[in-house]
Protein backbone atom coordinates (compact mmCIF):
# COMPACT_ATOMS: atom_id res chain seq x y z
CA UNK A 1 -4.14 -2.31 14.03
CA UNK A 2 -3.27 -0.62 11.27
CA UNK A 3 -0.95 -2.81 9.86
CA UNK A 4 -3.59 -4.95 9.34
CA UNK A 5 -5.66 -2.71 7.79
CA UNK A 6 -2.42 -2.26 5.12
CA UNK A 7 -2.17 -6.11 4.50
CA UNK A 8 -5.75 -6.53 4.68
CA UNK A 9 -6.22 -3.85 1.28
CA UNK A 10 -2.46 -4.73 -0.18
CA UNK A 11 -3.64 -8.84 0.22
CA UNK A 12 -7.12 -8.13 -1.89
CA UNK A 13 -5.18 -5.49 -4.68
CA UNK A 14 -2.32 -9.18 -4.97
CA UNK A 15 -5.41 -11.21 -5.07
CA UNK A 16 -6.30 -9.24 -7.97
CA UNK A 17 -2.78 -10.56 -9.91
CA UNK A 18 -1.60 -13.89 -8.02
CA UNK A 19 -3.90 -16.95 -6.72
CA UNK A 20 -3.71 -16.49 -3.15
CA UNK A 21 -2.42 -19.83 -3.47
CA UNK A 22 0.78 -18.88 -4.98
CA UNK A 23 4.23 -19.68 -3.82
CA UNK A 24 5.21 -15.43 -3.16
CA UNK A 25 1.09 -14.40 -2.09
CA UNK A 26 2.91 -12.91 1.31
CA UNK A 27 5.42 -11.25 -0.61
CA UNK A 28 3.59 -9.82 -3.78
CA UNK A 29 0.89 -8.42 -0.93
CA UNK A 30 4.23 -6.54 1.07
CA UNK A 31 4.93 -5.35 -1.94
CA UNK A 32 2.11 -4.02 -2.43
CA UNK A 33 1.30 -2.71 1.48
CA UNK A 34 4.92 -0.87 0.84
CA UNK A 35 4.31 0.68 -2.29
CA UNK A 36 0.52 2.41 -0.57
CA UNK A 37 2.42 3.39 2.72
CA UNK A 38 5.11 5.51 0.12
CA UNK A 39 2.27 6.50 -1.89
CA UNK A 40 -0.25 7.61 1.09
CA UNK A 41 3.54 9.71 2.11
CA UNK A 42 3.96 11.60 -1.23
CA UNK A 43 0.55 12.59 -0.97
CA UNK A 44 1.15 13.50 2.00
CA UNK A 45 4.08 15.75 1.55
CA UNK A 46 2.45 17.24 -1.91
CA UNK A 47 -0.52 18.63 0.04
CA UNK A 48 1.40 19.58 3.21
CA UNK A 49 3.47 21.50 0.85
CA UNK A 50 0.71 23.10 -1.56
CA UNK A 51 -0.44 24.25 1.77
CA UNK A 52 2.55 25.90 2.52
CA UNK A 53 3.01 27.87 -0.87
CA UNK A 54 -0.87 29.65 0.30
């Protein structure tokens, strides 16, 4: 379920830069979805680190 939401978000962001009928749209959407996951994990890691420092 959360994968679909992630791909919808990535598809929307990718559509800003590429046309949907482009040959590599799915590849770009996959790359952007991975960037979203990594960014989320980085935010969680830093939030957890800050809470441990207090």
